[in-house]
Amino acid sequence: MEDGPHEQGTHAGRLLTSKFAALLLAAMNAGNASADRLPTDTELRAAYCIPIIRQDLNLISRLVRDNETRIAQLGGGLSDRLQGEWADKKRAEAAANAERIAMLREANDQLARHKANRETTFNRLRLYLVPKLQELEIGKIAAAHARGDADIRSADNGVACLTACTQRDRPASCVDRCTDRDLQARMDACRSPNWLPL
């Protein structure tokens, strides 16, 4: 049985991260005496951003999968032989569903463009950082990568907090408490990496 789009996207994200982790481990185990150059701020930021962009790719894959499931649920047709008031109601529902399907397909088209952008960003980050791993002090690179993972968890907690605020009619103080603007700025910088030299 083939994996669905979400499973494929999530698996790809795990695979890419595990490959990066394997490269980090290999660099640490190499024991190269010359591998003691401290990473630059740009190199640390690239290591931080890799899990951020991987998570974005996983999220986009999940959203596409959810939209495709909803399209399939809405897509049932009607027989032309239906008659009467009940049939009129069903035809009106079908017309409304057709509008929803069109909106979901448009959303998936936009998601596909976002995914292509994130894949480009992910490849740029890897192409910039991976060739340097053997010459860098790898512990600091690993710490930056771990910070990215930790910020993803913090951002997820913020989303859960905002959801609770929404259920309480979004009081402003609650929303402010849930929003970590410094965290958001760090993560957003990963998505537009004009700081990369390549």
Protein backbone atom coordinates (compact mmCIF):
# COMPACT_ATOMS: atom_id res chain seq x y z
CA MET A 1 0.00 0.00 0.00
CA GLU A 2 1.40 3.40 -1.00
CA ASP A 3 1.77 6.23 1.47
CA GLY A 4 -0.61 9.16 1.14
CA PRO A 5 0.68 12.70 0.49
CA HIS A 6 0.93 13.50 4.20
CA GLU A 7 2.80 10.32 5.01
CA GLN A 8 5.17 10.90 2.09
CA GLY A 9 5.77 14.51 3.14
CA THR A 10 6.34 13.60 6.77
CA HIS A 11 8.60 10.70 5.84
CA ALA A 12 10.61 12.98 3.54
CA GLY A 13 10.99 15.52 6.34
CA ARG A 14 12.19 12.86 8.79
CA LEU A 15 14.57 11.46 6.17
CA LEU A 16 16.09 14.84 5.41
CA THR A 17 16.56 15.57 9.10
CA SER A 18 18.00 12.13 9.83
CA LYS A 19 20.47 12.60 6.96
CA PHE A 20 21.54 15.94 8.42
CA ALA A 21 21.84 14.37 11.87
CA ALA A 22 23.95 11.58 10.36
CA LEU A 23 26.23 14.17 8.76
CA LEU A 24 26.59 15.93 12.10
CA LEU A 25 27.45 12.64 13.80
CA ALA A 26 29.94 11.73 11.09
CA ALA A 27 31.62 15.11 11.44
CA MET A 28 31.86 14.67 15.22
CA ASN A 29 33.27 11.17 14.89
CA ALA A 30 35.78 12.13 12.22
CA GLY A 31 38.06 13.62 14.86
CA ASN A 32 39.66 15.96 12.32
CA ALA A 33 42.17 18.07 14.22
CA SER A 34 41.58 20.98 11.86
CA ALA A 35 37.82 20.88 12.44
CA ASP A 36 37.91 23.53 15.12
CA ARG A 37 36.81 26.66 13.31
CA LEU A 38 34.02 28.37 15.15
CA PRO A 39 30.92 28.66 12.97
CA THR A 40 29.92 32.10 11.79
CA ASP A 41 26.56 33.62 12.70
CA THR A 42 25.31 32.76 9.21
CA GLU A 43 26.36 29.12 9.58
CA LEU A 44 24.65 28.89 12.97
CA ARG A 45 21.50 30.46 11.57
CA ALA A 46 21.47 27.98 8.69
CA ALA A 47 21.72 25.09 11.17
CA TYR A 48 18.89 26.63 13.21
CA CYS A 49 16.68 27.10 10.17
CA ILE A 50 16.93 23.59 8.73
CA PRO A 51 14.39 22.05 11.17
CA ILE A 52 12.14 25.13 10.86
CA ILE A 53 11.82 24.73 7.09
CA ARG A 54 11.48 20.95 7.40
CA GLN A 55 8.53 21.51 9.75
CA ASP A 56 6.96 23.94 7.28
CA LEU A 57 7.20 21.29 4.56
CA ASN A 58 5.54 18.72 6.81
CA LEU A 59 2.74 21.13 7.69
CA ILE A 60 2.09 22.00 4.04
CA SER A 61 1.89 18.30 3.17
CA ARG A 62 -0.62 17.76 5.97
CA LEU A 63 -2.78 20.68 4.85
CA VAL A 64 -2.80 19.42 1.26
CA ARG A 65 -3.78 15.95 2.46
CA ASP A 66 -6.60 17.36 4.60
CA ASN A 67 -7.91 19.45 1.70
CA GLU A 68 -7.84 16.46 -0.64
CA THR A 69 -9.78 14.39 1.91
CA ARG A 70 -12.39 17.16 2.19
CA ILE A 71 -12.65 17.42 -1.61
CA ALA A 72 -13.33 13.67 -1.80
CA GLN A 73 -16.01 13.99 0.89
CA LEU A 74 -17.74 16.87 -0.91
CA GLY A 75 -17.48 15.40 -4.40
CA GLY A 76 -20.46 13.04 -4.53
CA GLY A 77 -22.70 13.64 -7.54
CA LEU A 78 -26.51 13.62 -7.88
CA SER A 79 -28.73 11.65 -10.20
CA ASP A 80 -30.59 13.72 -12.80
CA ARG A 81 -33.64 11.58 -12.09
CA LEU A 82 -34.16 13.03 -8.60
CA GLN A 83 -37.38 15.04 -8.34
CA GLY A 84 -39.32 17.13 -5.87
CA GLU A 85 -38.43 19.43 -2.99
CA TRP A 86 -35.89 17.02 -1.52
CA ALA A 87 -34.09 16.85 -4.88
CA ASP A 88 -34.02 20.66 -5.11
CA LYS A 89 -32.44 20.84 -1.67
CA LYS A 90 -29.85 18.27 -2.62
CA ARG A 91 -29.00 20.13 -5.82
CA ALA A 92 -28.52 23.35 -3.82
CA GLU A 93 -26.18 21.48 -1.46
CA ALA A 94 -24.28 20.08 -4.43
CA ALA A 95 -23.86 23.58 -5.88
CA ALA A 96 -22.56 24.87 -2.53
CA ASN A 97 -20.20 21.89 -2.32
CA ALA A 98 -18.89 22.63 -5.82
CA GLU A 99 -17.96 26.15 -4.63
CA ARG A 100 -16.21 24.71 -1.57
CA ILE A 101 -14.32 22.23 -3.76
CA ALA A 102 -13.16 25.05 -6.05
CA MET A 103 -11.91 27.00 -3.01
CA LEU A 104 -10.08 23.95 -1.63
CA ARG A 105 -8.42 23.32 -4.99
CA GLU A 106 -7.33 26.94 -5.18
CA ALA A 107 -5.93 26.63 -1.65
CA ASN A 108 -3.97 23.55 -2.69
CA ASP A 109 -2.58 25.40 -5.70
CA GLN A 110 -1.34 28.13 -3.33
CA LEU A 111 0.08 25.51 -0.98
CA ALA A 112 1.95 23.91 -3.88
CA ARG A 113 3.60 27.27 -4.59
CA HIS A 114 4.52 27.67 -0.91
CA LYS A 115 5.93 24.15 -0.86
CA ALA A 116 8.10 24.83 -3.91
CA ASN A 117 9.40 27.99 -2.22
CA ARG A 118 10.18 26.13 1.02
CA GLU A 119 11.91 23.30 -0.87
CA THR A 120 14.13 25.86 -2.59
CA THR A 121 14.95 27.43 0.77
CA PHE A 122 15.67 24.03 2.33
CA ASN A 123 18.05 23.12 -0.50
CA ARG A 124 19.83 26.47 -0.24
CA LEU A 125 20.37 25.97 3.49
CA ARG A 126 21.76 22.47 3.03
CA LEU A 127 23.98 23.38 0.08
CA TYR A 128 25.42 26.25 2.08
CA LEU A 129 26.02 24.39 5.35
CA VAL A 130 26.67 20.70 4.67
CA PRO A 131 29.96 21.13 2.75
CA LYS A 132 31.35 23.09 5.73
CA LEU A 133 30.55 20.56 8.45
CA GLN A 134 33.96 18.84 8.41
CA GLU A 135 35.77 22.09 9.18
CA LEU A 136 33.47 23.47 11.88
CA GLU A 137 33.20 22.95 15.60
CA ILE A 138 30.21 20.68 15.23
CA GLY A 139 28.89 20.95 18.78
CA LYS A 140 27.80 24.54 18.17
CA ILE A 141 26.12 23.56 14.89
CA ALA A 142 24.26 20.74 16.67
CA ALA A 143 23.17 23.16 19.43
CA ALA A 144 21.78 25.62 16.85
CA HIS A 145 19.91 22.78 15.14
CA ALA A 146 18.48 21.70 18.51
CA ARG A 147 17.40 25.30 19.19
CA GLY A 148 15.40 25.21 15.97
CA ASP A 149 13.64 22.05 17.13
CA ALA A 150 12.94 23.65 20.52
CA ASP A 151 11.48 26.77 18.89
CA ILE A 152 9.15 24.60 16.80
CA ARG A 153 7.79 23.09 20.03
CA SER A 154 7.39 26.56 21.55
CA ALA A 155 5.56 27.78 18.45
CA ASP A 156 3.23 24.76 18.62
CA ASN A 157 2.45 25.66 22.24
CA GLY A 158 1.68 29.20 21.13
CA VAL A 159 -0.78 27.95 18.51
CA ALA A 160 -2.56 25.84 21.15
CA CYS A 161 -2.70 28.89 23.41
CA LEU A 162 -4.19 31.04 20.63
CA THR A 163 -6.79 28.36 19.92
CA ALA A 164 -7.88 28.52 23.56
CA CYS A 165 -8.06 32.32 23.28
CA THR A 166 -10.28 32.01 20.21
CA GLN A 167 -12.64 29.79 22.17
CA ARG A 168 -12.87 32.57 24.77
CA ASP A 169 -13.68 35.26 22.16
CA ARG A 170 -10.01 36.24 21.78
CA PRO A 171 -9.47 38.62 24.72
CA ALA A 172 -6.57 40.88 23.75
CA SER A 173 -4.54 40.13 26.87
CA CYS A 174 -4.78 36.39 26.19
CA VAL A 175 -3.65 36.77 22.59
CA ASP A 176 -0.72 38.99 23.62
CA ARG A 177 0.33 36.44 26.23
CA CYS A 178 0.34 33.67 23.61
CA THR A 179 2.39 35.58 21.04
CA ASP A 180 6.18 35.43 21.29
CA ARG A 181 7.21 38.06 18.77
CA ASP A 182 10.94 37.37 19.09
CA LEU A 183 10.34 33.68 18.39
CA GLN A 184 8.17 34.53 15.39
CA ALA A 185 10.81 36.92 14.01
CA ARG A 186 13.54 34.25 14.30
CA MET A 187 11.42 31.67 12.48
CA ASP A 188 10.24 34.11 9.81
CA ALA A 189 13.87 34.98 9.00
CA CYS A 190 14.35 31.33 8.01
CA ARG A 191 11.58 31.57 5.42
CA SER A 192 13.15 34.52 3.60
CA PRO A 193 16.88 33.76 3.89
CA ASN A 194 18.21 36.86 2.13
CA TRP A 195 21.04 36.61 4.67
CA LEU A 196 22.43 33.54 2.88
CA PRO A 197 25.38 34.33 0.59
CA LEU A 198 24.29 31.71 -1.98
